[in-house]
Amino acid sequence: MFPPFILAKLYVKSTLKNTATGFEFTLKNIIDSTLLIGIGPITVGDKVYEGASLTMAVPDKSVS
């Protein structure tokens, strides 16, 4: 889990938008090299999205 101050550094402002299947936003790692070992859950308002329902897109790649 990211502490809020770390997430604030990673989130690209004005990228949160609705899509046909939910929503999307952009994160940009400007902190250090990172190994991602999983995604989720994400809580938006009062709704929780489990990792199995999330998709992470990387340029030229897609990770579900």
N, C-alpha and C. Protein backbone atom coordinates (compact mmCIF):
# COMPACT_ATOMS: atom_id res chain seq x y z
N MET A 1 0.84 -1.18 0.00
CA MET A 1 0.00 0.00 0.00
C MET A 1 0.88 1.24 0.00
N PHE A 2 0.50 2.22 -0.80
CA PHE A 2 1.24 3.47 -0.85
C PHE A 2 0.70 4.42 0.22
N PRO A 3 1.59 5.03 1.00
CA PRO A 3 1.12 6.12 1.85
C PRO A 3 0.63 7.27 0.96
N PRO A 4 -0.34 8.05 1.41
CA PRO A 4 -0.88 9.13 0.57
C PRO A 4 0.17 10.08 0.01
N PHE A 5 1.22 10.40 0.77
CA PHE A 5 2.22 11.34 0.26
C PHE A 5 3.02 10.75 -0.88
N ILE A 6 3.22 9.43 -0.90
CA ILE A 6 3.91 8.77 -2.02
C ILE A 6 2.99 8.75 -3.23
N LEU A 7 1.74 8.38 -3.03
CA LEU A 7 0.78 8.34 -4.13
C LEU A 7 0.64 9.72 -4.78
N ALA A 8 0.67 10.76 -3.98
CA ALA A 8 0.57 12.13 -4.53
C ALA A 8 1.74 12.44 -5.45
N LYS A 9 2.92 11.87 -5.17
CA LYS A 9 4.08 12.10 -6.03
C LYS A 9 4.00 11.28 -7.32
N LEU A 10 3.33 10.13 -7.28
CA LEU A 10 3.24 9.24 -8.44
C LEU A 10 2.10 9.60 -9.39
N TYR A 11 1.01 10.12 -8.86
CA TYR A 11 -0.18 10.42 -9.67
C TYR A 11 0.10 11.58 -10.61
N VAL A 12 -0.22 11.39 -11.89
CA VAL A 12 -0.09 12.46 -12.89
C VAL A 12 -1.39 13.27 -12.86
N LYS A 13 -1.29 14.53 -12.48
CA LYS A 13 -2.47 15.38 -12.31
C LYS A 13 -3.32 15.44 -13.57
N SER A 14 -4.61 15.48 -13.37
CA SER A 14 -5.62 15.62 -14.43
C SER A 14 -5.75 14.39 -15.33
N THR A 15 -5.25 13.22 -14.90
CA THR A 15 -5.36 12.02 -15.74
C THR A 15 -6.53 11.12 -15.35
N LEU A 16 -7.19 11.37 -14.23
CA LEU A 16 -8.32 10.55 -13.81
C LEU A 16 -9.51 10.84 -14.72
N LYS A 17 -10.03 9.78 -15.37
CA LYS A 17 -11.19 9.97 -16.26
C LYS A 17 -12.02 8.70 -16.32
N ASN A 18 -13.29 8.88 -16.63
CA ASN A 18 -14.21 7.76 -16.81
C ASN A 18 -13.95 7.12 -18.17
N THR A 19 -14.16 5.80 -18.23
CA THR A 19 -14.07 5.06 -19.48
C THR A 19 -15.34 4.23 -19.63
N ALA A 20 -15.48 3.54 -20.74
CA ALA A 20 -16.66 2.70 -20.97
C ALA A 20 -16.75 1.56 -19.95
N THR A 21 -15.60 1.13 -19.41
CA THR A 21 -15.59 0.00 -18.49
C THR A 21 -15.26 0.38 -17.05
N GLY A 22 -15.16 1.67 -16.75
CA GLY A 22 -14.85 2.09 -15.39
C GLY A 22 -14.14 3.43 -15.35
N PHE A 23 -12.88 3.40 -14.97
CA PHE A 23 -12.10 4.63 -14.90
C PHE A 23 -10.63 4.29 -15.14
N GLU A 24 -9.84 5.32 -15.40
CA GLU A 24 -8.40 5.13 -15.56
C GLU A 24 -7.68 6.37 -15.06
N PHE A 25 -6.43 6.17 -14.70
CA PHE A 25 -5.56 7.28 -14.30
C PHE A 25 -4.13 6.86 -14.58
N THR A 26 -3.23 7.82 -14.54
CA THR A 26 -1.84 7.57 -14.86
C THR A 26 -0.97 7.80 -13.63
N LEU A 27 -0.04 6.87 -13.42
CA LEU A 27 1.00 7.02 -12.41
C LEU A 27 2.34 7.08 -13.12
N LYS A 28 3.23 7.90 -12.64
CA LYS A 28 4.57 7.97 -13.21
C LYS A 28 5.57 7.86 -12.07
N ASN A 29 6.43 6.85 -12.14
CA ASN A 29 7.42 6.63 -11.10
C ASN A 29 8.60 7.56 -11.31
N ILE A 30 8.72 8.57 -10.46
CA ILE A 30 9.85 9.49 -10.52
C ILE A 30 10.74 9.33 -9.29
N ILE A 31 10.48 8.28 -8.51
CA ILE A 31 11.17 8.12 -7.24
C ILE A 31 12.40 7.23 -7.35
N ASP A 32 12.25 6.00 -7.85
CA ASP A 32 13.37 5.06 -7.91
C ASP A 32 12.94 3.86 -8.74
N SER A 33 13.89 2.98 -9.05
CA SER A 33 13.57 1.73 -9.74
C SER A 33 12.60 0.93 -8.88
N THR A 34 11.69 0.23 -9.55
CA THR A 34 10.63 -0.46 -8.82
C THR A 34 10.35 -1.82 -9.44
N LEU A 35 10.04 -2.79 -8.60
CA LEU A 35 9.55 -4.09 -9.04
C LEU A 35 8.12 -4.21 -8.52
N LEU A 36 7.18 -4.28 -9.43
CA LEU A 36 5.78 -4.40 -9.05
C LEU A 36 5.44 -5.88 -8.93
N ILE A 37 4.93 -6.29 -7.77
CA ILE A 37 4.62 -7.70 -7.55
C ILE A 37 3.12 -7.97 -7.48
N GLY A 38 2.31 -6.93 -7.55
CA GLY A 38 0.86 -7.11 -7.54
C GLY A 38 0.15 -5.77 -7.58
N ILE A 39 -1.13 -5.82 -7.93
CA ILE A 39 -1.94 -4.60 -7.90
C ILE A 39 -3.24 -4.88 -7.19
N GLY A 40 -3.74 -3.87 -6.50
CA GLY A 40 -5.03 -3.95 -5.85
C GLY A 40 -4.93 -4.36 -4.40
N PRO A 41 -5.97 -4.20 -3.66
CA PRO A 41 -7.21 -3.54 -4.07
C PRO A 41 -7.05 -2.02 -4.11
N ILE A 42 -7.94 -1.36 -4.85
CA ILE A 42 -8.00 0.09 -4.91
C ILE A 42 -9.38 0.50 -4.42
N THR A 43 -9.43 1.49 -3.54
CA THR A 43 -10.70 2.00 -3.03
C THR A 43 -10.96 3.38 -3.62
N VAL A 44 -12.11 3.54 -4.24
CA VAL A 44 -12.53 4.82 -4.81
C VAL A 44 -13.87 5.16 -4.18
N GLY A 45 -13.89 6.23 -3.41
CA GLY A 45 -15.10 6.54 -2.66
C GLY A 45 -15.38 5.42 -1.68
N ASP A 46 -16.54 4.79 -1.80
CA ASP A 46 -16.86 3.67 -0.92
C ASP A 46 -16.83 2.33 -1.65
N LYS A 47 -16.31 2.32 -2.88
CA LYS A 47 -16.25 1.08 -3.67
C LYS A 47 -14.82 0.55 -3.69
N VAL A 48 -14.68 -0.77 -3.44
CA VAL A 48 -13.38 -1.42 -3.45
C VAL A 48 -13.25 -2.26 -4.71
N TYR A 49 -12.16 -2.08 -5.45
CA TYR A 49 -11.86 -2.85 -6.66
C TYR A 49 -10.72 -3.80 -6.32
N GLU A 50 -11.01 -5.12 -6.36
CA GLU A 50 -9.99 -6.12 -6.05
C GLU A 50 -8.99 -6.23 -7.19
N GLY A 51 -7.81 -6.74 -6.89
CA GLY A 51 -6.74 -6.87 -7.88
C GLY A 51 -7.14 -7.61 -9.13
N ALA A 52 -7.97 -8.64 -9.01
CA ALA A 52 -8.38 -9.44 -10.18
C ALA A 52 -9.20 -8.64 -11.18
N SER A 53 -9.80 -7.53 -10.74
CA SER A 53 -10.62 -6.72 -11.65
C SER A 53 -9.85 -5.52 -12.22
N LEU A 54 -8.57 -5.42 -11.89
CA LEU A 54 -7.75 -4.28 -12.33
C LEU A 54 -6.82 -4.68 -13.46
N THR A 55 -6.54 -3.74 -14.34
CA THR A 55 -5.57 -3.95 -15.41
C THR A 55 -4.57 -2.81 -15.37
N MET A 56 -3.30 -3.15 -15.45
CA MET A 56 -2.26 -2.14 -15.51
C MET A 56 -1.66 -2.15 -16.90
N ALA A 57 -1.62 -1.01 -17.54
CA ALA A 57 -1.04 -0.91 -18.88
C ALA A 57 0.30 -0.20 -18.79
N VAL A 58 1.28 -0.76 -19.47
CA VAL A 58 2.62 -0.20 -19.57
C VAL A 58 2.87 -0.01 -21.06
N PRO A 59 3.54 1.07 -21.47
CA PRO A 59 3.76 1.23 -22.92
C PRO A 59 4.23 -0.07 -23.56
N ASP A 60 3.52 -0.50 -24.60
CA ASP A 60 3.81 -1.73 -25.35
C ASP A 60 3.59 -3.00 -24.56
N LYS A 61 2.93 -2.94 -23.40
CA LYS A 61 2.67 -4.13 -22.59
C LYS A 61 1.34 -3.97 -21.87
N SER A 62 0.75 -5.07 -21.44
CA SER A 62 -0.44 -5.02 -20.60
C SER A 62 -0.32 -6.10 -19.55
N VAL A 63 -0.62 -5.76 -18.31
CA VAL A 63 -0.51 -6.70 -17.20
C VAL A 63 -1.86 -6.75 -16.51
N SER A 64 -2.43 -7.95 -16.35
CA SER A 64 -3.72 -8.09 -15.66
C SER A 64 -3.54 -8.87 -14.38
